[in-house]
Amino acid sequence: MGALEDESLWVNDIIAGGNETNEVSCVFPPQRLAEVANDIVEGKIEGRIVGWYHSHPGHGLFLSQTDLQTHMGFYQFSPYALSLVAEPSTGEFGIWIYENGVGVVQLPISYIHII
């Protein structure tokens, strides 16, 4: 959850999506996304959906083909949507955005500020 302010995207909160998992994938159930959208409309959650996050335990930082499709689906909420991938085994993370004319690219660490 977050907002676009002064040409910067601020991520202020995360909301767990619940999931349907197996050994190689995790699915964000559409009904959970509908619940979150409803909570925003009803004022139970502040801000707007600015992206999504997930992890690749032991596999590194990348966006799979499925991740890329999911990432592009978040543009219904914001043209500045981001994807965050965490690698818990190393404590690293990466953030991806869509850049017009280029496609989905990983943000350089110098663009990310944790406050």
PDB file of N, CA and C in Angstrom:
ATOM      1  N   MET A   1       0.851  -1.164   0.000  1.00  0.00           N
ATOM      2  CA  MET A   1       0.000   0.000   0.000  1.00  0.00           C
ATOM      3  C   MET A   1       0.895   1.226   0.000  1.00  0.00           C
ATOM      4  N   GLY A   2       0.465   2.260  -0.701  1.00  0.00           N
ATOM      5  CA  GLY A   2       1.282   3.450  -0.743  1.00  0.00           C
ATOM      6  C   GLY A   2       0.635   4.564  -1.524  1.00  0.00           C
ATOM      7  N   ALA A   3       1.499   5.485  -1.990  1.00  0.00           N
ATOM      8  CA  ALA A   3       1.026   6.655  -2.720  1.00  0.00           C
ATOM      9  C   ALA A   3       2.150   7.203  -3.582  1.00  0.00           C
ATOM     10  N   LEU A   4       1.765   7.914  -4.631  1.00  0.00           N
ATOM     11  CA  LEU A   4       2.714   8.620  -5.479  1.00  0.00           C
ATOM     12  C   LEU A   4       2.704  10.073  -5.023  1.00  0.00           C
ATOM     13  N   GLU A   5       3.854  10.558  -4.549  1.00  0.00           N
ATOM     14  CA  GLU A   5       3.971  11.932  -4.069  1.00  0.00           C
ATOM     15  C   GLU A   5       5.272  12.533  -4.589  1.00  0.00           C
ATOM     16  N   ASP A   6       5.188  13.723  -5.158  1.00  0.00           N
ATOM     17  CA  ASP A   6       6.381  14.437  -5.631  1.00  0.00           C
ATOM     18  C   ASP A   6       7.273  13.560  -6.503  1.00  0.00           C
ATOM     19  N   GLU A   7       6.663  12.849  -7.445  1.00  0.00           N
ATOM     20  CA  GLU A   7       7.354  11.972  -8.389  1.00  0.00           C
ATOM     21  C   GLU A   7       8.120  10.827  -7.708  1.00  0.00           C
ATOM     22  N   SER A   8       7.739  10.500  -6.485  1.00  0.00           N
ATOM     23  CA  SER A   8       8.314   9.361  -5.772  1.00  0.00           C
ATOM     24  C   SER A   8       7.195   8.421  -5.361  1.00  0.00           C
ATOM     25  N   LEU A   9       7.453   7.137  -5.454  1.00  0.00           N
ATOM     26  CA  LEU A   9       6.481   6.151  -5.016  1.00  0.00           C
ATOM     27  C   LEU A   9       6.831   5.753  -3.588  1.00  0.00           C
ATOM     28  N   TRP A  10       5.902   5.990  -2.685  1.00  0.00           N
ATOM     29  CA  TRP A  10       6.087   5.669  -1.277  1.00  0.00           C
ATOM     30  C   TRP A  10       5.321   4.396  -0.954  1.00  0.00           C
ATOM     31  N   VAL A  11       5.995   3.420  -0.397  1.00  0.00           N
ATOM     32  CA  VAL A  11       5.355   2.202   0.083  1.00  0.00           C
ATOM     33  C   VAL A  11       5.271   2.349   1.590  1.00  0.00           C
ATOM     34  N   ASN A  12       4.038   2.391   2.091  1.00  0.00           N
ATOM     35  CA  ASN A  12       3.816   2.665   3.512  1.00  0.00           C
ATOM     36  C   ASN A  12       3.414   1.443   4.323  1.00  0.00           C
ATOM     37  N   ASP A  13       2.923   0.411   3.665  1.00  0.00           N
ATOM     38  CA  ASP A  13       2.408  -0.735   4.405  1.00  0.00           C
ATOM     39  C   ASP A  13       2.341  -1.932   3.472  1.00  0.00           C
ATOM     40  N   ILE A  14       2.291  -3.110   4.050  1.00  0.00           N
ATOM     41  CA  ILE A  14       2.070  -4.322   3.269  1.00  0.00           C
ATOM     42  C   ILE A  14       0.848  -5.037   3.822  1.00  0.00           C
ATOM     43  N   ILE A  15       0.193  -5.753   2.960  1.00  0.00           N
ATOM     44  CA  ILE A  15      -0.972  -6.537   3.353  1.00  0.00           C
ATOM     45  C   ILE A  15      -0.740  -7.953   2.864  1.00  0.00           C
ATOM     46  N   ALA A  16      -0.747  -8.876   3.795  1.00  0.00           N
ATOM     47  CA  ALA A  16      -0.578 -10.282   3.416  1.00  0.00           C
ATOM     48  C   ALA A  16      -1.762 -10.710   2.569  1.00  0.00           C
ATOM     49  N   GLY A  17      -1.465 -11.439   1.529  1.00  0.00           N
ATOM     50  CA  GLY A  17      -2.521 -11.824   0.615  1.00  0.00           C
ATOM     51  C   GLY A  17      -3.171 -13.144   0.917  1.00  0.00           C
ATOM     52  N   GLY A  18      -2.583 -13.912   1.826  1.00  0.00           N
ATOM     53  CA  GLY A  18      -3.044 -15.282   1.922  1.00  0.00           C
ATOM     54  C   GLY A  18      -2.542 -15.953   0.663  1.00  0.00           C
ATOM     55  N   ASN A  19      -2.542 -17.217   0.601  1.00  0.00           N
ATOM     56  CA  ASN A  19      -2.030 -17.818  -0.630  1.00  0.00           C
ATOM     57  C   ASN A  19      -2.454 -19.256  -0.772  1.00  0.00           C
ATOM     58  N   GLU A  20      -2.303 -19.701  -1.983  1.00  0.00           N
ATOM     59  CA  GLU A  20      -2.502 -21.101  -2.323  1.00  0.00           C
ATOM     60  C   GLU A  20      -1.147 -21.560  -2.846  1.00  0.00           C
ATOM     61  N   THR A  21      -0.496 -22.478  -2.136  1.00  0.00           N
ATOM     62  CA  THR A  21       0.881 -22.817  -2.481  1.00  0.00           C
ATOM     63  C   THR A  21       1.071 -24.285  -2.787  1.00  0.00           C
ATOM     64  N   ASN A  22       2.153 -24.522  -3.529  1.00  0.00           N
ATOM     65  CA  ASN A  22       2.693 -25.862  -3.665  1.00  0.00           C
ATOM     66  C   ASN A  22       4.210 -25.707  -3.610  1.00  0.00           C
ATOM     67  N   GLU A  23       4.968 -26.699  -3.999  1.00  0.00           N
ATOM     68  CA  GLU A  23       6.415 -26.620  -3.837  1.00  0.00           C
ATOM     69  C   GLU A  23       7.089 -25.611  -4.756  1.00  0.00           C
ATOM     70  N   VAL A  24       6.457 -25.208  -5.846  1.00  0.00           N
ATOM     71  CA  VAL A  24       7.120 -24.299  -6.789  1.00  0.00           C
ATOM     72  C   VAL A  24       6.352 -23.021  -7.074  1.00  0.00           C
ATOM     73  N   SER A  25       5.169 -22.851  -6.507  1.00  0.00           N
ATOM     74  CA  SER A  25       4.442 -21.622  -6.803  1.00  0.00           C
ATOM     75  C   SER A  25       3.522 -21.225  -5.655  1.00  0.00           C
ATOM     76  N   CYS A  26       3.128 -19.972  -5.717  1.00  0.00           N
ATOM     77  CA  CYS A  26       2.222 -19.393  -4.735  1.00  0.00           C
ATOM     78  C   CYS A  26       1.239 -18.528  -5.513  1.00  0.00           C
ATOM     79  N   VAL A  27      -0.034 -18.684  -5.263  1.00  0.00           N
ATOM     80  CA  VAL A  27      -1.055 -17.939  -5.992  1.00  0.00           C
ATOM     81  C   VAL A  27      -1.758 -16.990  -5.030  1.00  0.00           C
ATOM     82  N   PHE A  28      -1.900 -15.748  -5.447  1.00  0.00           N
ATOM     83  CA  PHE A  28      -2.655 -14.749  -4.689  1.00  0.00           C
ATOM     84  C   PHE A  28      -4.108 -14.906  -5.090  1.00  0.00           C
ATOM     85  N   PRO A  29      -4.944 -15.434  -4.216  1.00  0.00           N
ATOM     86  CA  PRO A  29      -6.332 -15.710  -4.599  1.00  0.00           C
ATOM     87  C   PRO A  29      -7.091 -14.447  -5.015  1.00  0.00           C
ATOM     88  N   PRO A  30      -7.793 -14.487  -6.126  1.00  0.00           N
ATOM     89  CA  PRO A  30      -8.554 -13.310  -6.588  1.00  0.00           C
ATOM     90  C   PRO A  30      -9.543 -12.796  -5.546  1.00  0.00           C
ATOM     91  N   GLN A  31     -10.126 -13.688  -4.765  1.00  0.00           N
ATOM     92  CA  GLN A  31     -11.083 -13.234  -3.753  1.00  0.00           C
ATOM     93  C   GLN A  31     -10.393 -12.402  -2.675  1.00  0.00           C
ATOM     94  N   ARG A  32      -9.098 -12.671  -2.380  1.00  0.00           N
ATOM     95  CA  ARG A  32      -8.377 -11.864  -1.395  1.00  0.00           C
ATOM     96  C   ARG A  32      -8.120 -10.473  -1.957  1.00  0.00           C
ATOM     97  N   LEU A  33      -7.775 -10.388  -3.235  1.00  0.00           N
ATOM     98  CA  LEU A  33      -7.567  -9.088  -3.866  1.00  0.00           C
ATOM     99  C   LEU A  33      -8.867  -8.289  -3.848  1.00  0.00           C
ATOM    100  N   ALA A  34      -9.993  -8.942  -4.089  1.00  0.00           N
ATOM    101  CA  ALA A  34     -11.294  -8.266  -4.038  1.00  0.00           C
ATOM    102  C   ALA A  34     -11.573  -7.750  -2.625  1.00  0.00           C
ATOM    103  N   GLU A  35     -11.208  -8.540  -1.606  1.00  0.00           N
ATOM    104  CA  GLU A  35     -11.403  -8.101  -0.216  1.00  0.00           C
ATOM    105  C   GLU A  35     -10.573  -6.852   0.072  1.00  0.00           C
ATOM    106  N   VAL A  36      -9.323  -6.842  -0.375  1.00  0.00           N
ATOM    107  CA  VAL A  36      -8.451  -5.689  -0.148  1.00  0.00           C
ATOM    108  C   VAL A  36      -9.026  -4.462  -0.857  1.00  0.00           C
ATOM    109  N   ALA A  37      -9.439  -4.618  -2.111  1.00  0.00           N
ATOM    110  CA  ALA A  37     -10.029  -3.495  -2.856  1.00  0.00           C
ATOM    111  C   ALA A  37     -11.269  -2.962  -2.146  1.00  0.00           C
ATOM    112  N   ASN A  38     -12.097  -3.853  -1.641  1.00  0.00           N
ATOM    113  CA  ASN A  38     -13.294  -3.448  -0.907  1.00  0.00           C
ATOM    114  C   ASN A  38     -12.917  -2.693   0.365  1.00  0.00           C
ATOM    115  N   ASP A  39     -11.904  -3.166   1.083  1.00  0.00           N
ATOM    116  CA  ASP A  39     -11.460  -2.487   2.304  1.00  0.00           C
ATOM    117  C   ASP A  39     -10.942  -1.078   2.006  1.00  0.00           C
ATOM    118  N   ILE A  40     -10.328  -0.889   0.844  1.00  0.00           N
ATOM    119  CA  ILE A  40      -9.875   0.450   0.443  1.00  0.00           C
ATOM    120  C   ILE A  40     -11.084   1.342   0.213  1.00  0.00           C
ATOM    121  N   VAL A  41     -12.057   0.847  -0.544  1.00  0.00           N
ATOM    122  CA  VAL A  41     -13.267   1.625  -0.847  1.00  0.00           C
ATOM    123  C   VAL A  41     -13.999   1.999   0.439  1.00  0.00           C
ATOM    124  N   GLU A  42     -14.063   1.073   1.397  1.00  0.00           N
ATOM    125  CA  GLU A  42     -14.779   1.321   2.646  1.00  0.00           C
ATOM    126  C   GLU A  42     -13.960   2.120   3.661  1.00  0.00           C
ATOM    127  N   GLY A  43     -12.711   2.472   3.310  1.00  0.00           N
ATOM    128  CA  GLY A  43     -11.879   3.270   4.207  1.00  0.00           C
ATOM    129  C   GLY A  43     -11.221   2.493   5.326  1.00  0.00           C
ATOM    130  N   LYS A  44     -11.262   1.180   5.258  1.00  0.00           N
ATOM    131  CA  LYS A  44     -10.622   0.354   6.285  1.00  0.00           C
ATOM    132  C   LYS A  44      -9.111   0.285   6.083  1.00  0.00           C
ATOM    133  N   ILE A  45      -8.668   0.533   4.841  1.00  0.00           N
ATOM    134  CA  ILE A  45      -7.248   0.553   4.497  1.00  0.00           C
ATOM    135  C   ILE A  45      -6.971   1.872   3.798  1.00  0.00           C
ATOM    136  N   GLU A  46      -5.888   2.561   4.200  1.00  0.00           N
ATOM    137  CA  GLU A  46      -5.518   3.825   3.572  1.00  0.00           C
ATOM    138  C   GLU A  46      -4.523   3.588   2.448  1.00  0.00           C
ATOM    139  N   GLY A  47      -4.535   4.491   1.482  1.00  0.00           N
ATOM    140  CA  GLY A  47      -3.592   4.419   0.381  1.00  0.00           C
ATOM    141  C   GLY A  47      -4.175   3.650  -0.785  1.00  0.00           C
ATOM    142  N   ARG A  48      -3.269   3.242  -1.669  1.00  0.00           N
ATOM    143  CA  ARG A  48      -3.706   2.468  -2.818  1.00  0.00           C
ATOM    144  C   ARG A  48      -2.720   1.344  -3.070  1.00  0.00           C
ATOM    145  N   ILE A  49      -3.153   0.387  -3.842  1.00  0.00           N
ATOM    146  CA  ILE A  49      -2.294  -0.750  -4.159  1.00  0.00           C
ATOM    147  C   ILE A  49      -1.210  -0.252  -5.116  1.00  0.00           C
ATOM    148  N   VAL A  50       0.050  -0.435  -4.727  1.00  0.00           N
ATOM    149  CA  VAL A  50       1.162   0.037  -5.553  1.00  0.00           C
ATOM    150  C   VAL A  50       2.058  -1.101  -6.034  1.00  0.00           C
ATOM    151  N   GLY A  51       1.702  -2.321  -5.711  1.00  0.00           N
ATOM    152  CA  GLY A  51       2.498  -3.446  -6.182  1.00  0.00           C
ATOM    153  C   GLY A  51       2.287  -4.679  -5.337  1.00  0.00           C
ATOM    154  N   TRP A  52       3.249  -5.579  -5.436  1.00  0.00           N
ATOM    155  CA  TRP A  52       3.143  -6.857  -4.752  1.00  0.00           C
ATOM    156  C   TRP A  52       4.533  -7.351  -4.385  1.00  0.00           C
ATOM    157  N   TYR A  53       4.579  -8.316  -3.484  1.00  0.00           N
ATOM    158  CA  TYR A  53       5.861  -8.866  -3.053  1.00  0.00           C
ATOM    159  C   TYR A  53       5.753 -10.375  -2.911  1.00  0.00           C
ATOM    160  N   HIS A  54       6.888 -11.033  -3.035  1.00  0.00           N
ATOM    161  CA  HIS A  54       6.963 -12.469  -2.784  1.00  0.00           C
ATOM    162  C   HIS A  54       8.430 -12.851  -2.630  1.00  0.00           C
ATOM    163  N   SER A  55       8.691 -14.106  -2.345  1.00  0.00           N
ATOM    164  CA  SER A  55      10.076 -14.542  -2.147  1.00  0.00           C
ATOM    165  C   SER A  55      10.420 -15.695  -3.074  1.00  0.00           C
ATOM    166  N   HIS A  56      11.713 -15.861  -3.250  1.00  0.00           N
ATOM    167  CA  HIS A  56      12.274 -16.981  -4.008  1.00  0.00           C
ATOM    168  C   HIS A  56      13.312 -17.660  -3.120  1.00  0.00           C
ATOM    169  N   PRO A  57      12.901 -18.333  -2.061  1.00  0.00           N
ATOM    170  CA  PRO A  57      13.871 -18.900  -1.116  1.00  0.00           C
ATOM    171  C   PRO A  57      14.886 -19.824  -1.790  1.00  0.00           C
ATOM    172  N   GLY A  58      16.147 -19.416  -1.721  1.00  0.00           N
ATOM    173  CA  GLY A  58      17.230 -20.230  -2.256  1.00  0.00           C
ATOM    174  C   GLY A  58      17.382 -20.197  -3.768  1.00  0.00           C
ATOM    175  N   HIS A  59      16.620 -19.347  -4.469  1.00  0.00           N
ATOM    176  CA  HIS A  59      16.669 -19.329  -5.938  1.00  0.00           C
ATOM    177  C   HIS A  59      17.180 -18.022  -6.530  1.00  0.00           C
ATOM    178  N   GLY A  60      17.409 -17.005  -5.708  1.00  0.00           N
ATOM    179  CA  GLY A  60      17.943 -15.747  -6.220  1.00  0.00           C
ATOM    180  C   GLY A  60      16.879 -14.713  -6.517  1.00  0.00           C
ATOM    181  N   LEU A  61      17.362 -13.566  -6.998  1.00  0.00           N
ATOM    182  CA  LEU A  61      16.494 -12.428  -7.290  1.00  0.00           C
ATOM    183  C   LEU A  61      16.229 -12.351  -8.786  1.00  0.00           C
ATOM    184  N   PHE A  62      14.995 -12.566  -9.174  1.00  0.00           N
ATOM    185  CA  PHE A  62      14.594 -12.515 -10.575  1.00  0.00           C
ATOM    186  C   PHE A  62      13.072 -12.491 -10.627  1.00  0.00           C
ATOM    187  N   LEU A  63      12.537 -12.183 -11.790  1.00  0.00           N
ATOM    188  CA  LEU A  63      11.107 -12.319 -12.027  1.00  0.00           C
ATOM    189  C   LEU A  63      10.922 -13.438 -13.045  1.00  0.00           C
ATOM    190  N   SER A  64      10.166 -14.441 -12.673  1.00  0.00           N
ATOM    191  CA  SER A  64       9.851 -15.532 -13.593  1.00  0.00           C
ATOM    192  C   SER A  64       8.847 -15.031 -14.630  1.00  0.00           C
ATOM    193  N   GLN A  65       8.543 -15.840 -15.605  1.00  0.00           N
ATOM    194  CA  GLN A  65       7.535 -15.466 -16.603  1.00  0.00           C
ATOM    195  C   GLN A  65       6.181 -15.231 -15.933  1.00  0.00           C
ATOM    196  N   THR A  66       5.839 -16.074 -14.977  1.00  0.00           N
ATOM    197  CA  THR A  66       4.594 -15.885 -14.225  1.00  0.00           C
ATOM    198  C   THR A  66       4.644 -14.586 -13.433  1.00  0.00           C
ATOM    199  N   ASP A  67       5.798 -14.301 -12.822  1.00  0.00           N
ATOM    200  CA  ASP A  67       5.950 -13.048 -12.076  1.00  0.00           C
ATOM    201  C   ASP A  67       5.766 -11.839 -12.993  1.00  0.00           C
ATOM    202  N   LEU A  68       6.310 -11.905 -14.195  1.00  0.00           N
ATOM    203  CA  LEU A  68       6.164 -10.801 -15.153  1.00  0.00           C
ATOM    204  C   LEU A  68       4.698 -10.577 -15.508  1.00  0.00           C
ATOM    205  N   GLN A  69       3.959 -11.665 -15.708  1.00  0.00           N
ATOM    206  CA  GLN A  69       2.528 -11.544 -16.009  1.00  0.00           C
ATOM    207  C   GLN A  69       1.785 -10.939 -14.825  1.00  0.00           C
ATOM    208  N   THR A  70       2.129 -11.380 -13.628  1.00  0.00           N
ATOM    209  CA  THR A  70       1.500 -10.844 -12.419  1.00  0.00           C
ATOM    210  C   THR A  70       1.822  -9.357 -12.288  1.00  0.00           C
ATOM    211  N   HIS A  71       3.082  -9.024 -12.507  1.00  0.00           N
ATOM    212  CA  HIS A  71       3.512  -7.627 -12.415  1.00  0.00           C
ATOM    213  C   HIS A  71       2.671  -6.741 -13.340  1.00  0.00           C
ATOM    214  N   MET A  72       2.510  -7.154 -14.574  1.00  0.00           N
ATOM    215  CA  MET A  72       1.760  -6.345 -15.531  1.00  0.00           C
ATOM    216  C   MET A  72       0.292  -6.237 -15.133  1.00  0.00           C
ATOM    217  N   GLY A  73      -0.237  -7.243 -14.438  1.00  0.00           N
ATOM    218  CA  GLY A  73      -1.613  -7.192 -13.968  1.00  0.00           C
ATOM    219  C   GLY A  73      -1.848  -6.112 -12.928  1.00  0.00           C
ATOM    220  N   PHE A  74      -0.809  -5.700 -12.238  1.00  0.00           N
ATOM    221  CA  PHE A  74      -0.954  -4.676 -11.210  1.00  0.00           C
ATOM    222  C   PHE A  74      -1.106  -3.275 -11.794  1.00  0.00           C
ATOM    223  N   TYR A  75      -0.970  -3.136 -13.114  1.00  0.00           N
ATOM    224  CA  TYR A  75      -1.165  -1.829 -13.734  1.00  0.00           C
ATOM    225  C   TYR A  75      -2.616  -1.402 -13.753  1.00  0.00           C
ATOM    226  N   GLN A  76      -3.534  -2.293 -13.407  1.00  0.00           N
ATOM    227  CA  GLN A  76      -4.921  -1.868 -13.243  1.00  0.00           C
ATOM    228  C   GLN A  76      -5.053  -0.963 -12.027  1.00  0.00           C
ATOM    229  N   PHE A  77      -4.092  -1.041 -11.109  1.00  0.00           N
ATOM    230  CA  PHE A  77      -4.127  -0.237  -9.884  1.00  0.00           C
ATOM    231  C   PHE A  77      -3.261   1.010  -9.983  1.00  0.00           C
ATOM    232  N   SER A  78      -2.134   0.912 -10.699  1.00  0.00           N
ATOM    233  CA  SER A  78      -1.217   2.044 -10.786  1.00  0.00           C
ATOM    234  C   SER A  78      -0.236   1.845 -11.936  1.00  0.00           C
ATOM    235  N   PRO A  79       0.022   2.893 -12.711  1.00  0.00           N
ATOM    236  CA  PRO A  79       1.033   2.783 -13.768  1.00  0.00           C
ATOM    237  C   PRO A  79       2.445   2.735 -13.192  1.00  0.00           C
ATOM    238  N   TYR A  80       2.563   2.915 -11.895  1.00  0.00           N
ATOM    239  CA  TYR A  80       3.860   2.893 -11.227  1.00  0.00           C
ATOM    240  C   TYR A  80       4.025   1.658 -10.352  1.00  0.00           C
ATOM    241  N   ALA A  81       3.283   0.617 -10.648  1.00  0.00           N
ATOM    242  CA  ALA A  81       3.304  -0.593  -9.831  1.00  0.00           C
ATOM    243  C   ALA A  81       4.711  -1.184  -9.763  1.00  0.00           C
ATOM    244  N   LEU A  82       5.016  -1.769  -8.628  1.00  0.00           N
ATOM    245  CA  LEU A  82       6.316  -2.406  -8.453  1.00  0.00           C
ATOM    246  C   LEU A  82       6.154  -3.846  -8.017  1.00  0.00           C
ATOM    247  N   SER A  83       7.196  -4.601  -8.261  1.00  0.00           N
ATOM    248  CA  SER A  83       7.280  -5.983  -7.780  1.00  0.00           C
ATOM    249  C   SER A  83       8.516  -6.078  -6.908  1.00  0.00           C
ATOM    250  N   LEU A  84       8.357  -6.599  -5.704  1.00  0.00           N
ATOM    251  CA  LEU A  84       9.479  -6.797  -4.804  1.00  0.00           C
ATOM    252  C   LEU A  84       9.686  -8.291  -4.628  1.00  0.00           C
ATOM    253  N   VAL A  85      10.920  -8.738  -4.816  1.00  0.00           N
ATOM    254  CA  VAL A  85      11.275 -10.140  -4.595  1.00  0.00           C
ATOM    255  C   VAL A  85      12.310 -10.177  -3.491  1.00  0.00           C
ATOM    256  N   ALA A  86      12.048 -10.981  -2.473  1.00  0.00           N
ATOM    257  CA  ALA A  86      12.988 -11.162  -1.371  1.00  0.00           C
ATOM    258  C   ALA A  86      13.662 -12.521  -1.500  1.00  0.00           C
ATOM    259  N   GLU A  87      14.928 -12.549  -1.137  1.00  0.00           N
ATOM    260  CA  GLU A  87      15.695 -13.800  -1.090  1.00  0.00           C
ATOM    261  C   GLU A  87      16.104 -14.010   0.369  1.00  0.00           C
ATOM    262  N   PRO A  88      15.252 -14.723   1.127  1.00  0.00           N
ATOM    263  CA  PRO A  88      15.491 -14.847   2.564  1.00  0.00           C
ATOM    264  C   PRO A  88      16.807 -15.539   2.930  1.00  0.00           C
ATOM    265  N   SER A  89      17.326 -16.389   2.070  1.00  0.00           N
ATOM    266  CA  SER A  89      18.563 -17.097   2.417  1.00  0.00           C
ATOM    267  C   SER A  89      19.775 -16.167   2.420  1.00  0.00           C
ATOM    268  N   THR A  90      19.700 -15.029   1.711  1.00  0.00           N
ATOM    269  CA  THR A  90      20.817 -14.077   1.679  1.00  0.00           C
ATOM    270  C   THR A  90      20.453 -12.730   2.296  1.00  0.00           C
ATOM    271  N   GLY A  91      19.177 -12.506   2.584  1.00  0.00           N
ATOM    272  CA  GLY A  91      18.738 -11.229   3.129  1.00  0.00           C
ATOM    273  C   GLY A  91      18.660 -10.126   2.077  1.00  0.00           C
ATOM    274  N   GLU A  92      18.714 -10.487   0.810  1.00  0.00           N
ATOM    275  CA  GLU A  92      18.665  -9.504  -0.271  1.00  0.00           C
ATOM    276  C   GLU A  92      17.245  -9.346  -0.793  1.00  0.00           C
ATOM    277  N   PHE A  93      17.027  -8.251  -1.512  1.00  0.00           N
ATOM    278  CA  PHE A  93      15.761  -8.048  -2.201  1.00  0.00           C
ATOM    279  C   PHE A  93      16.023  -7.237  -3.461  1.00  0.00           C
ATOM    280  N   GLY A  94      15.068  -7.300  -4.379  1.00  0.00           N
ATOM    281  CA  GLY A  94      15.121  -6.503  -5.598  1.00  0.00           C
ATOM    282  C   GLY A  94      13.747  -5.953  -5.886  1.00  0.00           C
ATOM    283  N   ILE A  95      13.714  -4.809  -6.568  1.00  0.00           N
ATOM    284  CA  ILE A  95      12.454  -4.176  -6.934  1.00  0.00           C
ATOM    285  C   ILE A  95      12.458  -3.950  -8.439  1.00  0.00           C
ATOM    286  N   TRP A  96      11.342  -4.315  -9.074  1.00  0.00           N
ATOM    287  CA  TRP A  96      11.176  -4.164 -10.521  1.00  0.00           C
ATOM    288  C   TRP A  96      10.022  -3.226 -10.825  1.00  0.00           C
ATOM    289  N   ILE A  97      10.169  -2.453 -11.897  1.00  0.00           N
ATOM    290  CA  ILE A  97       9.119  -1.559 -12.386  1.00  0.00           C
ATOM    291  C   ILE A  97       9.015  -1.723 -13.895  1.00  0.00           C
ATOM    292  N   TYR A  98       7.939  -1.186 -14.472  1.00  0.00           N
ATOM    293  CA  TYR A  98       7.798  -1.161 -15.923  1.00  0.00           C
ATOM    294  C   TYR A  98       8.289   0.187 -16.423  1.00  0.00           C
ATOM    295  N   GLU A  99       9.215   0.167 -17.363  1.00  0.00           N
ATOM    296  CA  GLU A  99       9.740   1.392 -17.960  1.00  0.00           C
ATOM    297  C   GLU A  99       9.254   1.470 -19.401  1.00  0.00           C
ATOM    298  N   ASN A 100       8.546   2.540 -19.737  1.00  0.00           N
ATOM    299  CA  ASN A 100       8.008   2.698 -21.091  1.00  0.00           C
ATOM    300  C   ASN A 100       9.105   2.535 -22.135  1.00  0.00           C
ATOM    301  N   GLY A 101       8.802   1.754 -23.163  1.00  0.00           N
ATOM    302  CA  GLY A 101       9.735   1.544 -24.251  1.00  0.00           C
ATOM    303  C   GLY A 101      10.820   0.529 -23.974  1.00  0.00           C
ATOM    304  N   VAL A 102      10.929   0.091 -22.729  1.00  0.00           N
ATOM    305  CA  VAL A 102      11.982  -0.858 -22.353  1.00  0.00           C
ATOM    306  C   VAL A 102      11.393  -2.171 -21.858  1.00  0.00           C
ATOM    307  N   GLY A 103      10.395  -2.077 -20.988  1.00  0.00           N
ATOM    308  CA  GLY A 103       9.797  -3.262 -20.365  1.00  0.00           C
ATOM    309  C   GLY A 103      10.053  -3.263 -18.874  1.00  0.00           C
ATOM    310  N   VAL A 104       9.964  -4.424 -18.265  1.00  0.00           N
ATOM    311  CA  VAL A 104      10.154  -4.548 -16.825  1.00  0.00           C
ATOM    312  C   VAL A 104      11.648  -4.578 -16.532  1.00  0.00           C
ATOM    313  N   VAL A 105      12.074  -3.659 -15.660  1.00  0.00           N
ATOM    314  CA  VAL A 105      13.494  -3.534 -15.319  1.00  0.00           C
ATOM    315  C   VAL A 105      13.666  -3.497 -13.805  1.00  0.00           C
ATOM    316  N   GLN A 106      14.823  -3.958 -13.365  1.00  0.00           N
ATOM    317  CA  GLN A 106      15.131  -3.902 -11.937  1.00  0.00           C
ATOM    318  C   GLN A 106      15.654  -2.511 -11.592  1.00  0.00           C
ATOM    319  N   LEU A 107      15.122  -1.936 -10.515  1.00  0.00           N
ATOM    320  CA  LEU A 107      15.580  -0.625 -10.079  1.00  0.00           C
ATOM    321  C   LEU A 107      16.991  -0.737  -9.497  1.00  0.00           C
ATOM    322  N   PRO A 108      17.852   0.210  -9.830  1.00  0.00           N
ATOM    323  CA  PRO A 108      19.166   0.240  -9.173  1.00  0.00           C
ATOM    324  C   PRO A 108      18.976   0.516  -7.679  1.00  0.00           C
ATOM    325  N   ILE A 109      19.805  -0.034  -6.856  1.00  0.00           N
ATOM    326  CA  ILE A 109      19.695   0.126  -5.410  1.00  0.00           C
ATOM    327  C   ILE A 109      19.747   1.605  -5.014  1.00  0.00           C
ATOM    328  N   SER A 110      20.412   2.438  -5.810  1.00  0.00           N
ATOM    329  CA  SER A 110      20.518   3.862  -5.496  1.00  0.00           C
ATOM    330  C   SER A 110      19.172   4.584  -5.593  1.00  0.00           C
ATOM    331  N   TYR A 111      18.179   3.976  -6.223  1.00  0.00           N
ATOM    332  CA  TYR A 111      16.842   4.567  -6.341  1.00  0.00           C
ATOM    333  C   TYR A 111      15.946   4.198  -5.162  1.00  0.00           C
ATOM    334  N   ILE A 112      16.407   3.294  -4.312  1.00  0.00           N
ATOM    335  CA  ILE A 112      15.574   2.774  -3.223  1.00  0.00           C
ATOM    336  C   ILE A 112      16.042   3.382  -1.909  1.00  0.00           C
ATOM    337  N   HIS A 113      15.119   3.984  -1.184  1.00  0.00           N
ATOM    338  CA  HIS A 113      15.440   4.587   0.105  1.00  0.00           C
ATOM    339  C   HIS A 113      14.524   4.000   1.168  1.00  0.00           C
ATOM    340  N   ILE A 114      15.109   3.432   2.185  1.00  0.00           N
ATOM    341  CA  ILE A 114      14.334   2.849   3.276  1.00  0.00           C
ATOM    342  C   ILE A 114      14.411   3.812   4.448  1.00  0.00           C
ATOM    343  N   ILE A 115      13.231   4.261   4.857  1.00  0.00           N
ATOM    344  CA  ILE A 115      13.169   5.278   5.930  1.00  0.00           C
ATOM    345  C   ILE A 115      12.543   4.665   7.158  1.00  0.00           C
TER     346      ILE A 115
END
